[in-house]
Amino acid sequence: PVGKSDIKNWPIIGWGAKVSGTIFVERKSKEGRSKTRQDIRDMLKKGYSIMNYPEGTTHIRPQTGRFKPGMFRDAASEGFKIYPTALEYQKNADAWLGQDNFLRHFYECFGKKNTFIKVSYGAALMSDDAMQLLQDSKSWIDAELLKLRANWHQSHIDRGNPPPISA
C-alpha cells in the first residue's frame, strides 16, 4: 500500500503499516512525491502489486473526486496494469474523513461488533495514454460505487434482515 507519511506516527496502525511494507509519501513535497513514484515503479518492476489511492484522500461523496495523474502516467509509460477497485462502506461514519480525531475514530470503529464494506475489482486496464487510463479507471469506479450502494438495501432483504438505517 501507499499511504501518507503521517500514518507512520499513528498508534498501532503506524507500526503495522511500517512492518507490512507500506510506501509512505510526503505529499507536501514535490521531491517526496517523486521519490514515492520511483519507489512504486521499483516495486512493480520486482513483481509486487501496489495499492494506491488516486484521490489521495477519503470522503463520503457518492462518487470519486479528482484523481491525481502521476501514477497513471507511470503506468502508461512503463506498461503497468491498473486494476480499478471500488470500496463502499455501508455507513458513512466508518470512513476516515479529513480532520477527524484519530483516537475517537479508532475507538468508534474498532469498538463495534461489525463494520460492513463492499469491495469490487475491475478488469485490468492498460494503455500508453495516461489520461485514458485515468478516465477509464475513474469511470469504472464511479459506476461501480453506485451499484454497490444501491445493492446494500437488496442484500439485507436477501438475508432476511431489515434494511440499514442511513448514518
C-alpha atoms as a PDB file:
ATOM      1  CA  PRO A   1       0.000   0.000   0.000  1.00  0.00           C
ATOM      2  CA  VAL A   2       0.876   3.659  -0.427  1.00  0.00           C
ATOM      3  CA  GLY A   3      -0.042   5.973   2.426  1.00  0.00           C
ATOM      4  CA  LYS A   4       0.608   9.475   3.673  1.00  0.00           C
ATOM      5  CA  SER A   5       3.690   9.819   5.845  1.00  0.00           C
ATOM      6  CA  ASP A   6       1.591  10.932   8.844  1.00  0.00           C
ATOM      7  CA  ILE A   7       0.401   7.334   9.233  1.00  0.00           C
ATOM      8  CA  LYS A   8       3.856   6.316  10.490  1.00  0.00           C
ATOM      9  CA  ASN A   9       3.119   8.143  13.748  1.00  0.00           C
ATOM     10  CA  TRP A  10      -0.321   6.686  14.394  1.00  0.00           C
ATOM     11  CA  PRO A  11      -0.535   4.307  17.361  1.00  0.00           C
ATOM     12  CA  ILE A  12      -0.688   0.609  16.379  1.00  0.00           C
ATOM     13  CA  ILE A  13      -1.644   1.292  12.756  1.00  0.00           C
ATOM     14  CA  GLY A  14       1.614   3.150  12.063  1.00  0.00           C
ATOM     15  CA  TRP A  15       3.658   0.223  13.319  1.00  0.00           C
ATOM     16  CA  GLY A  16       1.562  -2.200  11.260  1.00  0.00           C
ATOM     17  CA  ALA A  17       1.942  -0.047   8.166  1.00  0.00           C
ATOM     18  CA  LYS A  18       5.729   0.047   8.564  1.00  0.00           C
ATOM     19  CA  VAL A  19       6.156  -3.705   9.022  1.00  0.00           C
ATOM     20  CA  SER A  20       3.768  -4.508   6.162  1.00  0.00           C
ATOM     21  CA  GLY A  21       5.920  -2.639   3.664  1.00  0.00           C
ATOM     22  CA  THR A  22       3.782   0.445   3.173  1.00  0.00           C
ATOM     23  CA  ILE A  23       5.385   3.029   0.906  1.00  0.00           C
ATOM     24  CA  PHE A  24       4.963   6.398   2.597  1.00  0.00           C
ATOM     25  CA  VAL A  25       4.583   9.622   0.652  1.00  0.00           C
ATOM     26  CA  GLU A  26       5.447  13.142   1.764  1.00  0.00           C
ATOM     27  CA  ARG A  27       2.506  14.711  -0.034  1.00  0.00           C
ATOM     28  CA  LYS A  28       3.534  18.331   0.563  1.00  0.00           C
ATOM     29  CA  SER A  29       6.946  17.856  -1.049  1.00  0.00           C
ATOM     30  CA  LYS A  30       7.439  17.554  -4.814  1.00  0.00           C
ATOM     31  CA  GLU A  31      10.655  15.606  -4.152  1.00  0.00           C
ATOM     32  CA  GLY A  32       8.811  13.345  -1.724  1.00  0.00           C
ATOM     33  CA  ARG A  33       6.103  12.597  -4.280  1.00  0.00           C
ATOM     34  CA  SER A  34       8.738  11.919  -6.967  1.00  0.00           C
ATOM     35  CA  LYS A  35      10.634   9.560  -4.635  1.00  0.00           C
ATOM     36  CA  THR A  36       7.437   7.693  -3.826  1.00  0.00           C
ATOM     37  CA  ARG A  37       6.631   7.278  -7.525  1.00  0.00           C
ATOM     38  CA  GLN A  38      10.118   5.878  -8.093  1.00  0.00           C
ATOM     39  CA  ASP A  39       9.737   3.502  -5.116  1.00  0.00           C
ATOM     40  CA  ILE A  40       6.432   2.312  -6.584  1.00  0.00           C
ATOM     41  CA  ARG A  41       7.948   1.753 -10.031  1.00  0.00           C
ATOM     42  CA  ASP A  42      10.815  -0.199  -8.446  1.00  0.00           C
ATOM     43  CA  MET A  43       8.413  -2.453  -6.536  1.00  0.00           C
ATOM     44  CA  LEU A  44       6.253  -3.057  -9.619  1.00  0.00           C
ATOM     45  CA  LYS A  45       9.339  -3.999 -11.646  1.00  0.00           C
ATOM     46  CA  LYS A  46      10.185  -6.554  -8.943  1.00  0.00           C
ATOM     47  CA  GLY A  47       6.751  -8.123  -9.451  1.00  0.00           C
ATOM     48  CA  TYR A  48       4.946  -6.713  -6.409  1.00  0.00           C
ATOM     49  CA  SER A  49       1.444  -5.278  -6.551  1.00  0.00           C
ATOM     50  CA  ILE A  50       0.800  -1.778  -5.252  1.00  0.00           C
ATOM     51  CA  MET A  51      -2.371  -0.461  -3.678  1.00  0.00           C
ATOM     52  CA  ASN A  52      -2.622   3.260  -4.377  1.00  0.00           C
ATOM     53  CA  TYR A  53      -5.449   5.734  -3.843  1.00  0.00           C
ATOM     54  CA  PRO A  54      -5.543   8.138  -6.798  1.00  0.00           C
ATOM     55  CA  GLU A  55      -7.647  10.739  -4.990  1.00  0.00           C
ATOM     56  CA  GLY A  56      -5.159  10.986  -2.142  1.00  0.00           C
ATOM     57  CA  THR A  57      -7.936  11.354   0.444  1.00  0.00           C
ATOM     58  CA  THR A  58     -11.216   9.907   1.714  1.00  0.00           C
ATOM     59  CA  HIS A  59     -14.703  11.399   1.610  1.00  0.00           C
ATOM     60  CA  ILE A  60     -18.358  10.374   1.650  1.00  0.00           C
ATOM     61  CA  ARG A  61     -19.479  11.795  -1.693  1.00  0.00           C
ATOM     62  CA  PRO A  62     -21.353   9.312  -3.890  1.00  0.00           C
ATOM     63  CA  GLN A  63     -18.558   9.098  -6.457  1.00  0.00           C
ATOM     64  CA  THR A  64     -14.842   9.736  -6.686  1.00  0.00           C
ATOM     65  CA  GLY A  65     -13.209  13.139  -6.604  1.00  0.00           C
ATOM     66  CA  ARG A  66     -10.339  14.372  -8.748  1.00  0.00           C
ATOM     67  CA  PHE A  67      -7.730  11.701  -9.489  1.00  0.00           C
ATOM     68  CA  LYS A  68      -4.074  12.651  -9.343  1.00  0.00           C
ATOM     69  CA  PRO A  69      -2.439  11.708 -12.671  1.00  0.00           C
ATOM     70  CA  GLY A  70       1.099  10.768 -11.544  1.00  0.00           C
ATOM     71  CA  MET A  71       0.782   7.000 -11.259  1.00  0.00           C
ATOM     72  CA  PHE A  72      -1.352   6.829 -14.390  1.00  0.00           C
ATOM     73  CA  ARG A  73       1.500   8.497 -16.273  1.00  0.00           C
ATOM     74  CA  ASP A  74       3.930   5.948 -14.877  1.00  0.00           C
ATOM     75  CA  ALA A  75       1.614   3.024 -15.672  1.00  0.00           C
ATOM     76  CA  ALA A  76       1.216   4.258 -19.256  1.00  0.00           C
ATOM     77  CA  SER A  77       4.925   4.855 -19.860  1.00  0.00           C
ATOM     78  CA  GLU A  78       6.095   1.654 -18.097  1.00  0.00           C
ATOM     79  CA  GLY A  79       3.308  -0.643 -19.332  1.00  0.00           C
ATOM     80  CA  PHE A  80       1.932  -1.446 -15.867  1.00  0.00           C
ATOM     81  CA  LYS A  81      -1.620  -2.725 -15.479  1.00  0.00           C
ATOM     82  CA  ILE A  82      -4.175  -0.810 -13.430  1.00  0.00           C
ATOM     83  CA  TYR A  83      -6.854  -2.792 -11.591  1.00  0.00           C
ATOM     84  CA  PRO A  84      -9.582  -0.333 -10.600  1.00  0.00           C
ATOM     85  CA  THR A  85     -11.106  -1.106  -7.228  1.00  0.00           C
ATOM     86  CA  ALA A  86     -14.268   0.259  -5.617  1.00  0.00           C
ATOM     87  CA  LEU A  87     -14.716   0.233  -1.843  1.00  0.00           C
ATOM     88  CA  GLU A  88     -18.054   1.197  -0.321  1.00  0.00           C
ATOM     89  CA  TYR A  89     -18.783   1.488   3.407  1.00  0.00           C
ATOM     90  CA  GLN A  90     -22.315   0.699   4.468  1.00  0.00           C
ATOM     91  CA  LYS A  91     -22.241   3.609   6.912  1.00  0.00           C
ATOM     92  CA  ASN A  92     -20.589   6.923   6.174  1.00  0.00           C
ATOM     93  CA  ALA A  93     -19.406   7.159   9.783  1.00  0.00           C
ATOM     94  CA  ASP A  94     -16.988   4.264   9.166  1.00  0.00           C
ATOM     95  CA  ALA A  95     -14.945   6.271   6.652  1.00  0.00           C
ATOM     96  CA  TRP A  96     -11.977   8.273   7.926  1.00  0.00           C
ATOM     97  CA  LEU A  97     -12.693  11.875   6.989  1.00  0.00           C
ATOM     98  CA  GLY A  98     -10.453  14.925   6.805  1.00  0.00           C
ATOM     99  CA  GLN A  99      -9.566  16.258  10.221  1.00  0.00           C
ATOM    100  CA  ASP A 100     -11.341  13.523  12.172  1.00  0.00           C
ATOM    101  CA  ASN A 101      -9.659  12.775  15.503  1.00  0.00           C
ATOM    102  CA  PHE A 102      -7.674   9.549  15.159  1.00  0.00           C
ATOM    103  CA  LEU A 103      -8.372   8.113  18.631  1.00  0.00           C
ATOM    104  CA  ARG A 104     -12.082   8.902  18.531  1.00  0.00           C
ATOM    105  CA  HIS A 105     -12.412   7.323  15.088  1.00  0.00           C
ATOM    106  CA  PHE A 106     -10.285   4.314  16.056  1.00  0.00           C
ATOM    107  CA  TYR A 107     -12.314   3.553  19.197  1.00  0.00           C
ATOM    108  CA  GLU A 108     -15.624   4.071  17.416  1.00  0.00           C
ATOM    109  CA  CYS A 109     -14.756   1.805  14.505  1.00  0.00           C
ATOM    110  CA  PHE A 110     -12.824  -0.912  16.282  1.00  0.00           C
ATOM    111  CA  GLY A 111     -15.156  -0.930  19.272  1.00  0.00           C
ATOM    112  CA  LYS A 112     -18.092  -2.119  17.156  1.00  0.00           C
ATOM    113  CA  LYS A 113     -19.038  -5.707  16.579  1.00  0.00           C
ATOM    114  CA  ASN A 114     -19.281  -5.277  12.785  1.00  0.00           C
ATOM    115  CA  THR A 115     -18.296  -2.906  10.032  1.00  0.00           C
ATOM    116  CA  PHE A 116     -19.740  -3.717   6.631  1.00  0.00           C
ATOM    117  CA  ILE A 117     -17.983  -2.844   3.404  1.00  0.00           C
ATOM    118  CA  LYS A 118     -18.204  -3.976  -0.171  1.00  0.00           C
ATOM    119  CA  VAL A 119     -15.193  -4.227  -2.447  1.00  0.00           C
ATOM    120  CA  SER A 120     -15.312  -4.766  -6.176  1.00  0.00           C
ATOM    121  CA  TYR A 121     -12.342  -5.330  -8.501  1.00  0.00           C
ATOM    122  CA  GLY A 122     -12.368  -4.332 -12.137  1.00  0.00           C
ATOM    123  CA  ALA A 123     -10.606  -5.935 -15.075  1.00  0.00           C
ATOM    124  CA  ALA A 124      -7.012  -4.957 -15.809  1.00  0.00           C
ATOM    125  CA  LEU A 125      -6.592  -1.735 -17.761  1.00  0.00           C
ATOM    126  CA  MET A 126      -3.559  -0.967 -19.915  1.00  0.00           C
ATOM    127  CA  SER A 127      -2.830   1.892 -22.271  1.00  0.00           C
ATOM    128  CA  ASP A 128       0.045   4.074 -23.352  1.00  0.00           C
ATOM    129  CA  ASP A 129      -2.300   7.050 -22.847  1.00  0.00           C
ATOM    130  CA  ALA A 130      -2.192   8.125 -19.186  1.00  0.00           C
ATOM    131  CA  MET A 131      -5.308  10.266 -19.335  1.00  0.00           C
ATOM    132  CA  GLN A 132      -7.252   7.418 -20.926  1.00  0.00           C
ATOM    133  CA  LEU A 133      -6.139   5.102 -18.094  1.00  0.00           C
ATOM    134  CA  LEU A 134      -7.149   7.696 -15.530  1.00  0.00           C
ATOM    135  CA  GLN A 135     -10.551   8.303 -17.119  1.00  0.00           C
ATOM    136  CA  ASP A 136     -11.285   4.587 -17.671  1.00  0.00           C
ATOM    137  CA  SER A 137     -10.398   3.857 -14.028  1.00  0.00           C
ATOM    138  CA  LYS A 138     -12.455   6.739 -12.690  1.00  0.00           C
ATOM    139  CA  SER A 139     -15.470   5.900 -14.870  1.00  0.00           C
ATOM    140  CA  TRP A 140     -15.452   2.237 -13.819  1.00  0.00           C
ATOM    141  CA  ILE A 141     -15.059   3.059 -10.118  1.00  0.00           C
ATOM    142  CA  ASP A 142     -17.779   5.730 -10.169  1.00  0.00           C
ATOM    143  CA  ALA A 143     -20.266   3.377 -11.844  1.00  0.00           C
ATOM    144  CA  GLU A 144     -19.336   0.530  -9.516  1.00  0.00           C
ATOM    145  CA  LEU A 145     -19.760   2.673  -6.396  1.00  0.00           C
ATOM    146  CA  LEU A 146     -23.310   3.499  -7.430  1.00  0.00           C
ATOM    147  CA  LYS A 147     -24.043  -0.216  -7.965  1.00  0.00           C
ATOM    148  CA  LEU A 148     -22.541  -1.213  -4.621  1.00  0.00           C
ATOM    149  CA  ARG A 149     -24.501   1.447  -2.775  1.00  0.00           C
ATOM    150  CA  ALA A 150     -27.769   0.528  -4.496  1.00  0.00           C
ATOM    151  CA  ASN A 151     -27.283  -3.111  -3.529  1.00  0.00           C
ATOM    152  CA  TRP A 152     -26.911  -2.510   0.228  1.00  0.00           C
ATOM    153  CA  HIS A 153     -30.676  -2.451   0.636  1.00  0.00           C
ATOM    154  CA  GLN A 154     -31.227  -5.564  -1.518  1.00  0.00           C
ATOM    155  CA  SER A 155     -28.509  -7.635   0.213  1.00  0.00           C
ATOM    156  CA  HIS A 156     -30.179  -7.096   3.602  1.00  0.00           C
ATOM    157  CA  ILE A 157     -33.552  -8.182   2.246  1.00  0.00           C
ATOM    158  CA  ASP A 158     -31.945 -11.304   0.704  1.00  0.00           C
ATOM    159  CA  ARG A 159     -30.580 -12.289   4.130  1.00  0.00           C
ATOM    160  CA  GLY A 160     -33.932 -11.697   5.830  1.00  0.00           C
ATOM    161  CA  ASN A 161     -32.684  -8.599   7.656  1.00  0.00           C
ATOM    162  CA  PRO A 162     -34.310  -5.193   7.774  1.00  0.00           C
ATOM    163  CA  PRO A 163     -32.665  -2.569   5.525  1.00  0.00           C
ATOM    164  CA  PRO A 164     -29.909  -0.492   7.151  1.00  0.00           C
ATOM    165  CA  ILE A 165     -30.660   2.884   8.651  1.00  0.00           C
ATOM    166  CA  SER A 166     -28.734   5.698   6.989  1.00  0.00           C
ATOM    167  CA  ALA A 167     -25.976   7.283   9.055  1.00  0.00           C
END
